[in-house]
Protein backbone atom coordinates (compact mmCIF):
# COMPACT_ATOMS: atom_id res chain seq x y z
CA UNK A 1 6.71 -5.36 -18.85
CA UNK A 2 7.90 -8.74 -17.37
CA UNK A 3 9.99 -10.00 -14.45
CA UNK A 4 7.84 -8.18 -11.37
CA UNK A 5 10.48 -6.50 -8.81
CA UNK A 6 10.04 -5.82 -5.29
CA UNK A 7 10.64 -2.54 -6.08
CA UNK A 8 6.92 -1.39 -4.64
CA UNK A 9 6.92 -0.51 -1.00
CA UNK A 10 4.37 -1.80 1.44
CA UNK A 11 2.04 0.99 0.41
CA UNK A 12 2.21 0.00 -3.30
CA UNK A 13 4.42 2.94 -4.23
CA UNK A 14 7.42 2.57 -6.14
CA UNK A 15 10.30 4.56 -4.21
CA UNK A 16 11.71 7.34 -5.87
CA UNK A 17 15.08 6.05 -6.51
CA UNK A 18 13.39 2.75 -8.34
CA UNK A 19 11.57 4.51 -10.76
CA UNK A 20 14.22 4.72 -13.52
CA UNK A 21 14.93 1.08 -12.76
CA UNK A 22 11.38 0.20 -13.29
CA UNK A 23 11.20 2.67 -16.69
CA UNK A 24 14.49 0.85 -17.76
CA UNK A 25 12.41 -2.57 -18.33
CA UNK A 26 10.73 -0.68 -21.35
CA UNK A 27 13.90 0.46 -23.26
CA UNK A 28 11.94 2.35 -26.17
CA UNK A 29 9.99 4.59 -23.52
CA UNK A 30 14.02 5.33 -22.21
CA UNK A 31 15.10 6.15 -25.72
CA UNK A 32 12.16 8.29 -26.66
CA UNK A 33 12.81 10.61 -23.49
CA UNK A 34 9.69 9.28 -20.88
CA UNK A 35 10.38 9.89 -17.27
CA UNK A 36 8.64 8.68 -14.31
CA UNK A 37 7.91 11.11 -11.27
CA UNK A 38 5.61 8.59 -9.20
CA UNK A 39 4.10 5.23 -9.35
CA UNK A 40 1.92 3.46 -7.16
CA UNK A 41 -1.01 1.17 -8.01
CA UNK A 42 -3.67 3.94 -7.84
CA UNK A 43 -1.76 6.59 -9.91
CA UNK A 44 1.30 6.86 -11.92
CA UNK A 45 2.93 9.98 -13.18
CA UNK A 46 5.44 10.55 -15.78
CA UNK A 47 6.48 13.33 -18.60
CA UNK A 48 8.00 13.77 -22.01
CA UNK A 49 9.49 17.07 -22.75
CA UNK A 50 8.97 18.77 -26.45
CA UNK A 51 11.89 18.40 -28.34
CA UNK A 52 11.98 19.46 -32.45
CA UNK A 53 12.94 15.84 -33.29
CA UNK A 54 9.68 14.53 -31.75
CA UNK A 55 7.78 16.76 -33.94
CA UNK A 56 5.25 16.81 -36.94
CA UNK A 57 4.63 19.58 -39.11
CA UNK A 58 4.05 23.08 -37.25
CA UNK A 59 6.17 22.17 -34.54
CA UNK A 60 3.40 19.99 -32.79
CA UNK A 61 5.02 17.09 -30.36
CA UNK A 62 3.94 14.10 -32.73
CA UNK A 63 0.83 11.98 -31.73
CA UNK A 64 3.19 8.80 -31.71
CA UNK A 65 4.83 10.50 -28.89
CA UNK A 66 2.15 11.43 -27.02
CA UNK A 67 0.79 7.71 -27.46
CA UNK A 68 4.11 6.11 -26.40
CA UNK A 69 4.40 8.35 -23.21
CA UNK A 70 0.60 7.09 -22.26
CA UNK A 71 1.23 3.59 -23.29
CA UNK A 72 4.37 3.41 -20.96
CA UNK A 73 2.99 5.42 -18.05
CA UNK A 74 -0.08 3.25 -18.56
CA UNK A 75 1.71 0.13 -18.73
CA UNK A 76 3.53 0.79 -15.29
CA UNK A 77 -0.01 1.67 -13.78
CA UNK A 78 -1.25 -1.63 -15.02
CA UNK A 79 2.37 -3.77 -13.81
CA UNK A 80 1.84 -2.48 -10.34
CA UNK A 81 -1.88 -3.43 -10.46
CA UNK A 82 -1.16 -7.27 -11.46
CA UNK A 83 -2.77 -9.85 -9.35
CA UNK A 84 -0.55 -12.24 -7.09
CA UNK A 85 1.72 -14.77 -9.44
CA UNK A 86 1.46 -12.69 -12.80
CA UNK A 87 4.86 -12.73 -14.39
CA UNK A 88 3.84 -9.18 -16.50
CA UNK A 89 1.70 -7.25 -18.75
CA UNK A 90 1.54 -6.40 -22.31
CA UNK A 91 -0.88 -3.87 -24.36
CA UNK A 92 -3.28 -5.56 -26.07
CA UNK A 93 -5.68 -2.51 -27.10
CA UNK A 94 -4.91 1.25 -26.78
CA UNK A 95 -7.12 4.03 -27.67
CA UNK A 96 -6.21 8.00 -27.74
CA UNK A 97 -8.12 11.09 -28.43
CA UNK A 98 -6.29 13.97 -29.14
CA UNK A 99 -7.43 17.41 -27.90
CA UNK A 100 -4.73 19.96 -28.76
CA UNK A 101 -1.27 20.00 -29.88
CA UNK A 102 1.72 20.54 -27.66
CA UNK A 103 4.38 23.23 -29.36
CA UNK A 104 6.38 23.74 -26.40
CA UNK A 105 7.24 22.80 -22.84
CA UNK A 106 6.38 19.09 -21.32
CA UNK A 107 3.88 16.75 -22.31
CA UNK A 108 2.46 15.23 -18.41
CA UNK A 109 0.64 11.50 -18.29
CA UNK A 110 -1.46 10.81 -14.85
CA UNK A 111 -2.59 7.20 -15.03
CA UNK A 112 -5.32 5.63 -13.01
CA UNK A 113 -6.51 2.03 -13.16
CA UNK A 114 -10.29 1.34 -14.51
CA UNK A 115 -10.22 -2.14 -13.87
CA UNK A 116 -7.73 -4.76 -12.44
CA UNK A 117 -8.72 -8.55 -13.07
CA UNK A 118 -7.26 -11.75 -13.39
CA UNK A 119 -7.02 -11.71 -17.28
CA UNK A 120 -6.98 -7.69 -17.78
CA UNK A 121 -6.08 -4.50 -16.06
CA UNK A 122 -7.41 -1.57 -17.95
CA UNK A 123 -6.05 1.78 -17.74
CA UNK A 124 -6.96 5.29 -18.31
CA UNK A 125 -4.22 8.01 -19.10
CA UNK A 126 -4.69 11.53 -19.12
CA UNK A 127 -2.19 13.91 -20.90
CA UNK A 128 -1.83 17.61 -20.06
CA UNK A 129 0.57 20.75 -20.72
CA UNK A 130 2.29 22.67 -18.18
CA UNK A 131 -0.62 24.78 -17.57
CA UNK A 132 -3.17 21.87 -17.00
CA UNK A 133 -4.80 21.72 -20.02
CA UNK A 134 -5.72 18.35 -21.55
CA UNK A 135 -3.89 17.32 -24.29
CA UNK A 136 -5.53 13.73 -24.67
CA UNK A 137 -6.94 10.87 -23.09
CA UNK A 138 -5.71 7.12 -23.55
CA UNK A 139 -7.67 4.03 -22.37
CA UNK A 140 -5.70 0.82 -23.30
CA UNK A 141 -6.18 -2.66 -22.00
CA UNK A 142 -3.26 -4.60 -20.82
CA UNK A 143 -3.22 -8.52 -20.55
CA UNK A 144 -2.15 -10.30 -17.53
CA UNK A 145 1.08 -12.17 -18.52
CA UNK A 146 1.43 -15.70 -16.38
CA UNK A 147 4.54 -17.33 -15.84
CA UNK A 148 5.63 -20.02 -18.65
CA UNK A 149 5.11 -23.64 -17.93
C-alpha cells in the first residue's frame, strides 16, 4: 500500500465512508471480493463471502483466498500503523496456519499489530467463520516504505 491518505480520524479509526477507498488501493483484493468492516491502528476487520468460484475440491474456500483476505486486512492494519514520513508498506513475509475449511457463509478477518517499528510492522490476523470458529491464523511482516528521493 502506498500514498498514505488522510482517511483516518483523530483517533486513528478510518471513517466508514472511506473504507472502500482505502481498500481500493489494492485492486486484487477488491476483485477477489474482500470487504472492510472497520479499520483503526489497534484493529482492522474485513470479510470475504464463500462463493463456488473461490473454492477447491469439496466446496472448501481455497486457502489462497483466505490468505489473500488475511494479507489485505493485515496490510490495512500495518498501513494505519506506519511511522511518520513513511510512504507505504509491502508484505515481505507471511505465514498462515489453517485449522478448518469454510464450505458456506463468510470468512471474517481480524488483524492486530504485534510490533510497530521504523522498518517493519508485524501483524497477526485471525480468520473466523460466521459461528466464531477459527479458520486460521496469519502472521505477516510488512516493510515500511520510505519516500523515494
